[in-house]
Amino acid sequence: GEGALQFALDQGFEKENLLTPQAKAAWD
């Protein structure tokens, strides 16, 4: 969860939007 995300950011990974239009349409 949040701990994994904070660790990733601390290690230099970049935060990105992973929800593509195709996946959002399926969710809608």
mmCIF file of all heavy atoms, coordinates in Angstrom:
data_MODEL
# 
_entry.id   MODEL 
# 
loop_
_atom_site.group_PDB 
_atom_site.id 
_atom_site.type_symbol 
_atom_site.label_atom_id 
_atom_site.label_alt_id 
_atom_site.label_comp_id 
_atom_site.label_asym_id 
_atom_site.label_entity_id 
_atom_site.label_seq_id 
_atom_site.pdbx_PDB_ins_code 
_atom_site.Cartn_x 
_atom_site.Cartn_y 
_atom_site.Cartn_z 
_atom_site.occupancy 
_atom_site.B_iso_or_equiv 
_atom_site.pdbx_formal_charge 
_atom_site.auth_seq_id 
_atom_site.auth_comp_id 
_atom_site.auth_asym_id 
_atom_site.auth_atom_id 
_atom_site.pdbx_PDB_model_num 
ATOM 1   N N   . GLY A 1 1  ? 0.783   -1.220 0.000   1.00 0.00 ? 1  GLY A N   1 
ATOM 2   C CA  . GLY A 1 1  ? 0.000   0.000  0.000   1.00 0.00 ? 1  GLY A CA  1 
ATOM 3   C C   . GLY A 1 1  ? 0.815   1.269  0.000   1.00 0.00 ? 1  GLY A C   1 
ATOM 4   O O   . GLY A 1 1  ? 1.772   1.431  -0.764  1.00 0.00 ? 1  GLY A O   1 
ATOM 5   N N   . GLU A 1 2  ? 0.431   2.200  0.856   1.00 0.00 ? 2  GLU A N   1 
ATOM 6   C CA  . GLU A 1 2  ? 1.102   3.497  0.915   1.00 0.00 ? 2  GLU A CA  1 
ATOM 7   C C   . GLU A 1 2  ? 2.579   3.358  1.271   1.00 0.00 ? 2  GLU A C   1 
ATOM 8   O O   . GLU A 1 2  ? 3.416   4.123  0.785   1.00 0.00 ? 2  GLU A O   1 
ATOM 9   C CB  . GLU A 1 2  ? 0.400   4.398  1.945   1.00 0.00 ? 2  GLU A CB  1 
ATOM 10  C CG  . GLU A 1 2  ? -0.951  4.927  1.484   1.00 0.00 ? 2  GLU A CG  1 
ATOM 11  C CD  . GLU A 1 2  ? -0.823  5.872  0.289   1.00 0.00 ? 2  GLU A CD  1 
ATOM 12  O OE1 . GLU A 1 2  ? 0.193   6.593  0.198   1.00 0.00 ? 2  GLU A OE1 1 
ATOM 13  O OE2 . GLU A 1 2  ? -1.733  5.885  -0.550  1.00 0.00 ? 2  GLU A OE2 1 
ATOM 14  N N   . GLY A 1 3  ? 2.899   2.393  2.117   1.00 0.00 ? 3  GLY A N   1 
ATOM 15  C CA  . GLY A 1 3  ? 4.302   2.183  2.468   1.00 0.00 ? 3  GLY A CA  1 
ATOM 16  C C   . GLY A 1 3  ? 5.130   1.754  1.277   1.00 0.00 ? 3  GLY A C   1 
ATOM 17  O O   . GLY A 1 3  ? 6.266   2.201  1.099   1.00 0.00 ? 3  GLY A O   1 
ATOM 18  N N   . ALA A 1 4  ? 4.548   0.888  0.436   1.00 0.00 ? 4  ALA A N   1 
ATOM 19  C CA  . ALA A 1 4  ? 5.245   0.458  -0.771  1.00 0.00 ? 4  ALA A CA  1 
ATOM 20  C C   . ALA A 1 4  ? 5.426   1.617  -1.734  1.00 0.00 ? 4  ALA A C   1 
ATOM 21  O O   . ALA A 1 4  ? 6.483   1.773  -2.363  1.00 0.00 ? 4  ALA A O   1 
ATOM 22  C CB  . ALA A 1 4  ? 4.480   -0.681 -1.441  1.00 0.00 ? 4  ALA A CB  1 
ATOM 23  N N   . LEU A 1 5  ? 4.400   2.446  -1.863  1.00 0.00 ? 5  LEU A N   1 
ATOM 24  C CA  . LEU A 1 5  ? 4.487   3.605  -2.755  1.00 0.00 ? 5  LEU A CA  1 
ATOM 25  C C   . LEU A 1 5  ? 5.545   4.583  -2.267  1.00 0.00 ? 5  LEU A C   1 
ATOM 26  O O   . LEU A 1 5  ? 6.369   5.072  -3.061  1.00 0.00 ? 5  LEU A O   1 
ATOM 27  C CB  . LEU A 1 5  ? 3.123   4.303  -2.850  1.00 0.00 ? 5  LEU A CB  1 
ATOM 28  C CG  . LEU A 1 5  ? 3.103   5.609  -3.643  1.00 0.00 ? 5  LEU A CG  1 
ATOM 29  C CD1 . LEU A 1 5  ? 3.572   5.406  -5.077  1.00 0.00 ? 5  LEU A CD1 1 
ATOM 30  C CD2 . LEU A 1 5  ? 1.708   6.232  -3.612  1.00 0.00 ? 5  LEU A CD2 1 
ATOM 31  N N   . GLN A 1 6  ? 5.553   4.877  -0.979  1.00 0.00 ? 6  GLN A N   1 
ATOM 32  C CA  . GLN A 1 6  ? 6.550   5.823  -0.456  1.00 0.00 ? 6  GLN A CA  1 
ATOM 33  C C   . GLN A 1 6  ? 7.963   5.283  -0.654  1.00 0.00 ? 6  GLN A C   1 
ATOM 34  O O   . GLN A 1 6  ? 8.877   6.024  -1.016  1.00 0.00 ? 6  GLN A O   1 
ATOM 35  C CB  . GLN A 1 6  ? 6.294   6.093  1.030   1.00 0.00 ? 6  GLN A CB  1 
ATOM 36  C CG  . GLN A 1 6  ? 7.180   7.182  1.610   1.00 0.00 ? 6  GLN A CG  1 
ATOM 37  C CD  . GLN A 1 6  ? 7.037   8.500  0.872   1.00 0.00 ? 6  GLN A CD  1 
ATOM 38  O OE1 . GLN A 1 6  ? 5.932   9.042  0.775   1.00 0.00 ? 6  GLN A OE1 1 
ATOM 39  N NE2 . GLN A 1 6  ? 8.134   9.025  0.333   1.00 0.00 ? 6  GLN A NE2 1 
ATOM 40  N N   . PHE A 1 7  ? 8.135   3.981  -0.434  1.00 0.00 ? 7  PHE A N   1 
ATOM 41  C CA  . PHE A 1 7  ? 9.446   3.366  -0.665  1.00 0.00 ? 7  PHE A CA  1 
ATOM 42  C C   . PHE A 1 7  ? 9.855   3.512  -2.124  1.00 0.00 ? 7  PHE A C   1 
ATOM 43  O O   . PHE A 1 7  ? 11.009  3.856  -2.428  1.00 0.00 ? 7  PHE A O   1 
ATOM 44  C CB  . PHE A 1 7  ? 9.399   1.896  -0.261  1.00 0.00 ? 7  PHE A CB  1 
ATOM 45  C CG  . PHE A 1 7  ? 10.642  1.134  -0.609  1.00 0.00 ? 7  PHE A CG  1 
ATOM 46  C CD1 . PHE A 1 7  ? 11.799  1.251  0.140   1.00 0.00 ? 7  PHE A CD1 1 
ATOM 47  C CD2 . PHE A 1 7  ? 10.668  0.298  -1.730  1.00 0.00 ? 7  PHE A CD2 1 
ATOM 48  C CE1 . PHE A 1 7  ? 12.954  0.550  -0.184  1.00 0.00 ? 7  PHE A CE1 1 
ATOM 49  C CE2 . PHE A 1 7  ? 11.812  -0.408 -2.065  1.00 0.00 ? 7  PHE A CE2 1 
ATOM 50  C CZ  . PHE A 1 7  ? 12.960  -0.276 -1.295  1.00 0.00 ? 7  PHE A CZ  1 
ATOM 51  N N   . ALA A 1 8  ? 8.923   3.260  -3.033  1.00 0.00 ? 8  ALA A N   1 
ATOM 52  C CA  . ALA A 1 8  ? 9.229   3.376  -4.456  1.00 0.00 ? 8  ALA A CA  1 
ATOM 53  C C   . ALA A 1 8  ? 9.651   4.795  -4.823  1.00 0.00 ? 8  ALA A C   1 
ATOM 54  O O   . ALA A 1 8  ? 10.636  4.993  -5.550  1.00 0.00 ? 8  ALA A O   1 
ATOM 55  C CB  . ALA A 1 8  ? 8.017   2.952  -5.284  1.00 0.00 ? 8  ALA A CB  1 
ATOM 56  N N   . LEU A 1 9  ? 8.941   5.768  -4.306  1.00 0.00 ? 9  LEU A N   1 
ATOM 57  C CA  . LEU A 1 9  ? 9.291   7.166  -4.585  1.00 0.00 ? 9  LEU A CA  1 
ATOM 58  C C   . LEU A 1 9  ? 10.654  7.506  -3.998  1.00 0.00 ? 9  LEU A C   1 
ATOM 59  O O   . LEU A 1 9  ? 11.463  8.199  -4.633  1.00 0.00 ? 9  LEU A O   1 
ATOM 60  C CB  . LEU A 1 9  ? 8.210   8.096  -4.030  1.00 0.00 ? 9  LEU A CB  1 
ATOM 61  C CG  . LEU A 1 9  ? 6.810   7.944  -4.651  1.00 0.00 ? 9  LEU A CG  1 
ATOM 62  C CD1 . LEU A 1 9  ? 5.806   8.842  -3.943  1.00 0.00 ? 9  LEU A CD1 1 
ATOM 63  C CD2 . LEU A 1 9  ? 6.841   8.246  -6.152  1.00 0.00 ? 9  LEU A CD2 1 
ATOM 64  N N   . ASP A 1 10 ? 10.928  7.000  -2.807  1.00 0.00 ? 10 ASP A N   1 
ATOM 65  C CA  . ASP A 1 10 ? 12.230  7.230  -2.181  1.00 0.00 ? 10 ASP A CA  1 
ATOM 66  C C   . ASP A 1 10 ? 13.363  6.619  -3.006  1.00 0.00 ? 10 ASP A C   1 
ATOM 67  O O   . ASP A 1 10 ? 14.497  7.117  -2.984  1.00 0.00 ? 10 ASP A O   1 
ATOM 68  C CB  . ASP A 1 10 ? 12.261  6.632  -0.771  1.00 0.00 ? 10 ASP A CB  1 
ATOM 69  C CG  . ASP A 1 10 ? 11.368  7.374  0.204   1.00 0.00 ? 10 ASP A CG  1 
ATOM 70  O OD1 . ASP A 1 10 ? 10.953  8.518  -0.104  1.00 0.00 ? 10 ASP A OD1 1 
ATOM 71  O OD2 . ASP A 1 10 ? 11.071  6.802  1.274   1.00 0.00 ? 10 ASP A OD2 1 
ATOM 72  N N   . GLN A 1 11 ? 13.055  5.547  -3.734  1.00 0.00 ? 11 GLN A N   1 
ATOM 73  C CA  . GLN A 1 11 ? 14.059  4.865  -4.554  1.00 0.00 ? 11 GLN A CA  1 
ATOM 74  C C   . GLN A 1 11 ? 14.176  5.469  -5.956  1.00 0.00 ? 11 GLN A C   1 
ATOM 75  O O   . GLN A 1 11 ? 14.942  4.964  -6.780  1.00 0.00 ? 11 GLN A O   1 
ATOM 76  C CB  . GLN A 1 11 ? 13.712  3.373  -4.660  1.00 0.00 ? 11 GLN A CB  1 
ATOM 77  C CG  . GLN A 1 11 ? 13.842  2.612  -3.364  1.00 0.00 ? 11 GLN A CG  1 
ATOM 78  C CD  . GLN A 1 11 ? 15.266  2.574  -2.839  1.00 0.00 ? 11 GLN A CD  1 
ATOM 79  O OE1 . GLN A 1 11 ? 16.206  2.303  -3.572  1.00 0.00 ? 11 GLN A OE1 1 
ATOM 80  N NE2 . GLN A 1 11 ? 15.431  2.872  -1.552  1.00 0.00 ? 11 GLN A NE2 1 
ATOM 81  N N   . GLY A 1 12 ? 13.415  6.522  -6.222  1.00 0.00 ? 12 GLY A N   1 
ATOM 82  C CA  . GLY A 1 12 ? 13.543  7.213  -7.494  1.00 0.00 ? 12 GLY A CA  1 
ATOM 83  C C   . GLY A 1 12 ? 12.521  6.845  -8.556  1.00 0.00 ? 12 GLY A C   1 
ATOM 84  O O   . GLY A 1 12 ? 12.592  7.355  -9.690  1.00 0.00 ? 12 GLY A O   1 
ATOM 85  N N   . PHE A 1 13 ? 11.565  5.975  -8.231  1.00 0.00 ? 13 PHE A N   1 
ATOM 86  C CA  . PHE A 1 13 ? 10.511  5.667  -9.188  1.00 0.00 ? 13 PHE A CA  1 
ATOM 87  C C   . PHE A 1 13 ? 9.564   6.859  -9.318  1.00 0.00 ? 13 PHE A C   1 
ATOM 88  O O   . PHE A 1 13 ? 9.331   7.586  -8.344  1.00 0.00 ? 13 PHE A O   1 
ATOM 89  C CB  . PHE A 1 13 ? 9.730   4.428  -8.740  1.00 0.00 ? 13 PHE A CB  1 
ATOM 90  C CG  . PHE A 1 13 ? 10.516  3.158  -8.804  1.00 0.00 ? 13 PHE A CG  1 
ATOM 91  C CD1 . PHE A 1 13 ? 11.311  2.763  -7.724  1.00 0.00 ? 13 PHE A CD1 1 
ATOM 92  C CD2 . PHE A 1 13 ? 10.481  2.352  -9.930  1.00 0.00 ? 13 PHE A CD2 1 
ATOM 93  C CE1 . PHE A 1 13 ? 12.043  1.587  -7.773  1.00 0.00 ? 13 PHE A CE1 1 
ATOM 94  C CE2 . PHE A 1 13 ? 11.214  1.174  -9.986  1.00 0.00 ? 13 PHE A CE2 1 
ATOM 95  C CZ  . PHE A 1 13 ? 11.999  0.787  -8.908  1.00 0.00 ? 13 PHE A CZ  1 
ATOM 96  N N   . GLU A 1 14 ? 8.990   7.021  -10.498 1.00 0.00 ? 14 GLU A N   1 
ATOM 97  C CA  . GLU A 1 14 ? 8.101   8.156  -10.740 1.00 0.00 ? 14 GLU A CA  1 
ATOM 98  C C   . GLU A 1 14 ? 6.645   7.732  -10.639 1.00 0.00 ? 14 GLU A C   1 
ATOM 99  O O   . GLU A 1 14 ? 6.261   6.654  -11.097 1.00 0.00 ? 14 GLU A O   1 
ATOM 100 C CB  . GLU A 1 14 ? 8.372   8.749  -12.122 1.00 0.00 ? 14 GLU A CB  1 
ATOM 101 C CG  . GLU A 1 14 ? 9.751   9.364  -12.258 1.00 0.00 ? 14 GLU A CG  1 
ATOM 102 C CD  . GLU A 1 14 ? 9.948   10.033 -13.609 1.00 0.00 ? 14 GLU A CD  1 
ATOM 103 O OE1 . GLU A 1 14 ? 9.001   10.003 -14.432 1.00 0.00 ? 14 GLU A OE1 1 
ATOM 104 O OE2 . GLU A 1 14 ? 11.040  10.576 -13.828 1.00 0.00 ? 14 GLU A OE2 1 
ATOM 105 N N   . LYS A 1 15 ? 5.843   8.631  -10.071 1.00 0.00 ? 15 LYS A N   1 
ATOM 106 C CA  . LYS A 1 15 ? 4.417   8.394  -9.925  1.00 0.00 ? 15 LYS A CA  1 
ATOM 107 C C   . LYS A 1 15 ? 3.732   8.647  -11.265 1.00 0.00 ? 15 LYS A C   1 
ATOM 108 O O   . LYS A 1 15 ? 3.966   9.657  -11.915 1.00 0.00 ? 15 LYS A O   1 
ATOM 109 C CB  . LYS A 1 15 ? 3.867   9.336  -8.847  1.00 0.00 ? 15 LYS A CB  1 
ATOM 110 C CG  . LYS A 1 15 ? 2.521   8.960  -8.289  1.00 0.00 ? 15 LYS A CG  1 
ATOM 111 C CD  . LYS A 1 15 ? 2.201   9.856  -7.101  1.00 0.00 ? 15 LYS A CD  1 
ATOM 112 C CE  . LYS A 1 15 ? 0.856   9.498  -6.499  1.00 0.00 ? 15 LYS A CE  1 
ATOM 113 N NZ  . LYS A 1 15 ? 0.557   10.362 -5.328  1.00 0.00 ? 15 LYS A NZ  1 
ATOM 114 N N   . GLU A 1 16 ? 2.887   7.705  -11.692 1.00 0.00 ? 16 GLU A N   1 
ATOM 115 C CA  . GLU A 1 16 ? 2.229   7.803  -12.988 1.00 0.00 ? 16 GLU A CA  1 
ATOM 116 C C   . GLU A 1 16 ? 0.760   7.396  -12.883 1.00 0.00 ? 16 GLU A C   1 
ATOM 117 O O   . GLU A 1 16 ? 0.370   6.665  -11.977 1.00 0.00 ? 16 GLU A O   1 
ATOM 118 C CB  . GLU A 1 16 ? 2.921   6.894  -14.011 1.00 0.00 ? 16 GLU A CB  1 
ATOM 119 C CG  . GLU A 1 16 ? 4.394   7.196  -14.218 1.00 0.00 ? 16 GLU A CG  1 
ATOM 120 C CD  . GLU A 1 16 ? 5.024   6.286  -15.251 1.00 0.00 ? 16 GLU A CD  1 
ATOM 121 O OE1 . GLU A 1 16 ? 4.536   6.269  -16.398 1.00 0.00 ? 16 GLU A OE1 1 
ATOM 122 O OE2 . GLU A 1 16 ? 5.993   5.590  -14.895 1.00 0.00 ? 16 GLU A OE2 1 
ATOM 123 N N   . ASN A 1 17 ? -0.030  7.863  -13.837 1.00 0.00 ? 17 ASN A N   1 
ATOM 124 C CA  . ASN A 1 17 ? -1.422  7.439  -13.943 1.00 0.00 ? 17 ASN A CA  1 
ATOM 125 C C   . ASN A 1 17 ? -1.458  6.145  -14.739 1.00 0.00 ? 17 ASN A C   1 
ATOM 126 O O   . ASN A 1 17 ? -1.118  6.114  -15.924 1.00 0.00 ? 17 ASN A O   1 
ATOM 127 C CB  . ASN A 1 17 ? -2.263  8.508  -14.639 1.00 0.00 ? 17 ASN A CB  1 
ATOM 128 C CG  . ASN A 1 17 ? -3.701  8.057  -14.831 1.00 0.00 ? 17 ASN A CG  1 
ATOM 129 O OD1 . ASN A 1 17 ? -4.174  7.139  -14.154 1.00 0.00 ? 17 ASN A OD1 1 
ATOM 130 N ND2 . ASN A 1 17 ? -4.406  8.692  -15.757 1.00 0.00 ? 17 ASN A ND2 1 
ATOM 131 N N   . LEU A 1 18 ? -1.884  5.060  -14.126 1.00 0.00 ? 18 LEU A N   1 
ATOM 132 C CA  . LEU A 1 18 ? -1.879  3.748  -14.771 1.00 0.00 ? 18 LEU A CA  1 
ATOM 133 C C   . LEU A 1 18 ? -3.223  3.378  -15.381 1.00 0.00 ? 18 LEU A C   1 
ATOM 134 O O   . LEU A 1 18 ? -3.340  2.345  -16.052 1.00 0.00 ? 18 LEU A O   1 
ATOM 135 C CB  . LEU A 1 18 ? -1.471  2.674  -13.759 1.00 0.00 ? 18 LEU A CB  1 
ATOM 136 C CG  . LEU A 1 18 ? -0.121  2.866  -13.066 1.00 0.00 ? 18 LEU A CG  1 
ATOM 137 C CD1 . LEU A 1 18 ? 0.142   1.713  -12.100 1.00 0.00 ? 18 LEU A CD1 1 
ATOM 138 C CD2 . LEU A 1 18 ? 1.009   2.986  -14.080 1.00 0.00 ? 18 LEU A CD2 1 
ATOM 139 N N   . LEU A 1 19 ? -4.248  4.204  -15.175 1.00 0.00 ? 19 LEU A N   1 
ATOM 140 C CA  . LEU A 1 19 ? -5.587  3.899  -15.687 1.00 0.00 ? 19 LEU A CA  1 
ATOM 141 C C   . LEU A 1 19 ? -5.706  4.410  -17.118 1.00 0.00 ? 19 LEU A C   1 
ATOM 142 O O   . LEU A 1 19 ? -5.860  5.601  -17.358 1.00 0.00 ? 19 LEU A O   1 
ATOM 143 C CB  . LEU A 1 19 ? -6.653  4.534  -14.795 1.00 0.00 ? 19 LEU A CB  1 
ATOM 144 C CG  . LEU A 1 19 ? -8.099  4.187  -15.142 1.00 0.00 ? 19 LEU A CG  1 
ATOM 145 C CD1 . LEU A 1 19 ? -8.363  2.697  -14.931 1.00 0.00 ? 19 LEU A CD1 1 
ATOM 146 C CD2 . LEU A 1 19 ? -9.072  5.027  -14.315 1.00 0.00 ? 19 LEU A CD2 1 
ATOM 147 N N   . THR A 1 20 ? -5.629  3.514  -18.073 1.00 0.00 ? 20 THR A N   1 
ATOM 148 C CA  . THR A 1 20 ? -5.727  3.887  -19.487 1.00 0.00 ? 20 THR A CA  1 
ATOM 149 C C   . THR A 1 20 ? -7.187  4.145  -19.861 1.00 0.00 ? 20 THR A C   1 
ATOM 150 O O   . THR A 1 20 ? -8.113  3.685  -19.175 1.00 0.00 ? 20 THR A O   1 
ATOM 151 C CB  . THR A 1 20 ? -5.182  2.765  -20.378 1.00 0.00 ? 20 THR A CB  1 
ATOM 152 O OG1 . THR A 1 20 ? -5.982  1.584  -20.184 1.00 0.00 ? 20 THR A OG1 1 
ATOM 153 C CG2 . THR A 1 20 ? -3.722  2.460  -20.049 1.00 0.00 ? 20 THR A CG2 1 
ATOM 154 N N   . PRO A 1 21 ? -7.433  4.873  -20.955 1.00 0.00 ? 21 PRO A N   1 
ATOM 155 C CA  . PRO A 1 21 ? -8.812  5.078  -21.410 1.00 0.00 ? 21 PRO A CA  1 
ATOM 156 C C   . PRO A 1 21 ? -9.573  3.767  -21.620 1.00 0.00 ? 21 PRO A C   1 
ATOM 157 O O   . PRO A 1 21 ? -10.763 3.676  -21.308 1.00 0.00 ? 21 PRO A O   1 
ATOM 158 C CB  . PRO A 1 21 ? -8.631  5.848  -22.727 1.00 0.00 ? 21 PRO A CB  1 
ATOM 159 C CG  . PRO A 1 21 ? -7.335  6.574  -22.555 1.00 0.00 ? 21 PRO A CG  1 
ATOM 160 C CD  . PRO A 1 21 ? -6.462  5.645  -21.760 1.00 0.00 ? 21 PRO A CD  1 
ATOM 161 N N   . GLN A 1 22 ? -8.902  2.758  -22.143 1.00 0.00 ? 22 GLN A N   1 
ATOM 162 C CA  . GLN A 1 22 ? -9.545  1.474  -22.375 1.00 0.00 ? 22 GLN A CA  1 
ATOM 163 C C   . GLN A 1 22 ? -9.976  0.821  -21.062 1.00 0.00 ? 22 GLN A C   1 
ATOM 164 O O   . GLN A 1 22 ? -11.092 0.300  -20.945 1.00 0.00 ? 22 GLN A O   1 
ATOM 165 C CB  . GLN A 1 22 ? -8.592  0.551  -23.125 1.00 0.00 ? 22 GLN A CB  1 
ATOM 166 C CG  . GLN A 1 22 ? -9.191  -0.794 -23.518 1.00 0.00 ? 22 GLN A CG  1 
ATOM 167 C CD  . GLN A 1 22 ? -8.189  -1.702 -24.218 1.00 0.00 ? 22 GLN A CD  1 
ATOM 168 O OE1 . GLN A 1 22 ? -7.004  -1.384 -24.309 1.00 0.00 ? 22 GLN A OE1 1 
ATOM 169 N NE2 . GLN A 1 22 ? -8.655  -2.840 -24.701 1.00 0.00 ? 22 GLN A NE2 1 
ATOM 170 N N   . ALA A 1 23 ? -9.090  0.858  -20.058 1.00 0.00 ? 23 ALA A N   1 
ATOM 171 C CA  . ALA A 1 23 ? -9.432  0.271  -18.761 1.00 0.00 ? 23 ALA A CA  1 
ATOM 172 C C   . ALA A 1 23 ? -10.519 1.068  -18.061 1.00 0.00 ? 23 ALA A C   1 
ATOM 173 O O   . ALA A 1 23 ? -11.409 0.499  -17.420 1.00 0.00 ? 23 ALA A O   1 
ATOM 174 C CB  . ALA A 1 23 ? -8.185  0.184  -17.892 1.00 0.00 ? 23 ALA A CB  1 
ATOM 175 N N   . LYS A 1 24 ? -10.474 2.389  -18.194 1.00 0.00 ? 24 LYS A N   1 
ATOM 176 C CA  . LYS A 1 24 ? -11.514 3.228  -17.574 1.00 0.00 ? 24 LYS A CA  1 
ATOM 177 C C   . LYS A 1 24 ? -12.870 2.958  -18.211 1.00 0.00 ? 24 LYS A C   1 
ATOM 178 O O   . LYS A 1 24 ? -13.897 2.908  -17.519 1.00 0.00 ? 24 LYS A O   1 
ATOM 179 C CB  . LYS A 1 24 ? -11.171 4.707  -17.681 1.00 0.00 ? 24 LYS A CB  1 
ATOM 180 C CG  . LYS A 1 24 ? -12.166 5.603  -16.934 1.00 0.00 ? 24 LYS A CG  1 
ATOM 181 C CD  . LYS A 1 24 ? -11.802 7.059  -17.011 1.00 0.00 ? 24 LYS A CD  1 
ATOM 182 C CE  . LYS A 1 24 ? -12.749 7.902  -16.155 1.00 0.00 ? 24 LYS A CE  1 
ATOM 183 N NZ  . LYS A 1 24 ? -14.186 7.692  -16.515 1.00 0.00 ? 24 LYS A NZ  1 
ATOM 184 N N   . ALA A 1 25 ? -12.894 2.778  -19.521 1.00 0.00 ? 25 ALA A N   1 
ATOM 185 C CA  . ALA A 1 25 ? -14.153 2.480  -20.208 1.00 0.00 ? 25 ALA A CA  1 
ATOM 186 C C   . ALA A 1 25 ? -14.736 1.159  -19.709 1.00 0.00 ? 25 ALA A C   1 
ATOM 187 O O   . ALA A 1 25 ? -15.954 1.043  -19.505 1.00 0.00 ? 25 ALA A O   1 
ATOM 188 C CB  . ALA A 1 25 ? -13.923 2.434  -21.714 1.00 0.00 ? 25 ALA A CB  1 
ATOM 189 N N   . ALA A 1 26 ? -13.880 0.171  -19.504 1.00 0.00 ? 26 ALA A N   1 
ATOM 190 C CA  . ALA A 1 26 ? -14.344 -1.115 -18.979 1.00 0.00 ? 26 ALA A CA  1 
ATOM 191 C C   . ALA A 1 26 ? -14.905 -0.962 -17.573 1.00 0.00 ? 26 ALA A C   1 
ATOM 192 O O   . ALA A 1 26 ? -15.930 -1.566 -17.227 1.00 0.00 ? 26 ALA A O   1 
ATOM 193 C CB  . ALA A 1 26 ? -13.204 -2.125 -18.993 1.00 0.00 ? 26 ALA A CB  1 
ATOM 194 N N   . TRP A 1 27 ? -14.249 -0.134 -16.769 1.00 0.00 ? 27 TRP A N   1 
ATOM 195 C CA  . TRP A 1 27 ? -14.723 0.102  -15.404 1.00 0.00 ? 27 TRP A CA  1 
ATOM 196 C C   . TRP A 1 27 ? -16.054 0.854  -15.428 1.00 0.00 ? 27 TRP A C   1 
ATOM 197 O O   . TRP A 1 27 ? -16.970 0.531  -14.667 1.00 0.00 ? 27 TRP A O   1 
ATOM 198 C CB  . TRP A 1 27 ? -13.670 0.891  -14.632 1.00 0.00 ? 27 TRP A CB  1 
ATOM 199 C CG  . TRP A 1 27 ? -14.066 1.254  -13.229 1.00 0.00 ? 27 TRP A CG  1 
ATOM 200 C CD1 . TRP A 1 27 ? -14.268 0.400  -12.193 1.00 0.00 ? 27 TRP A CD1 1 
ATOM 201 C CD2 . TRP A 1 27 ? -14.302 2.576  -12.719 1.00 0.00 ? 27 TRP A CD2 1 
ATOM 202 N NE1 . TRP A 1 27 ? -14.605 1.106  -11.052 1.00 0.00 ? 27 TRP A NE1 1 
ATOM 203 C CE2 . TRP A 1 27 ? -14.632 2.440  -11.354 1.00 0.00 ? 27 TRP A CE2 1 
ATOM 204 C CE3 . TRP A 1 27 ? -14.255 3.843  -13.290 1.00 0.00 ? 27 TRP A CE3 1 
ATOM 205 C CZ2 . TRP A 1 27 ? -14.930 3.536  -10.558 1.00 0.00 ? 27 TRP A CZ2 1 
ATOM 206 C CZ3 . TRP A 1 27 ? -14.536 4.934  -12.478 1.00 0.00 ? 27 TRP A CZ3 1 
ATOM 207 C CH2 . TRP A 1 27 ? -14.870 4.781  -11.126 1.00 0.00 ? 27 TRP A CH2 1 
ATOM 208 N N   . ASP A 1 28 ? -16.178 1.856  -16.310 1.00 0.00 ? 28 ASP A N   1 
ATOM 209 C CA  . ASP A 1 28 ? -17.439 2.600  -16.442 1.00 0.00 ? 28 ASP A CA  1 
ATOM 210 C C   . ASP A 1 28 ? -18.581 1.673  -16.827 1.00 0.00 ? 28 ASP A C   1 
ATOM 211 O O   . ASP A 1 28 ? -19.697 1.776  -16.306 1.00 0.00 ? 28 ASP A O   1 
ATOM 212 C CB  . ASP A 1 28 ? -17.292 3.708  -17.488 1.00 0.00 ? 28 ASP A CB  1 
ATOM 213 C CG  . ASP A 1 28 ? -16.444 4.882  -17.002 1.00 0.00 ? 28 ASP A CG  1 
ATOM 214 O OD1 . ASP A 1 28 ? -16.306 5.040  -15.772 1.00 0.00 ? 28 ASP A OD1 1 
ATOM 215 O OD2 . ASP A 1 28 ? -15.912 5.616  -17.848 1.00 0.00 ? 28 ASP A OD2 1 
# 
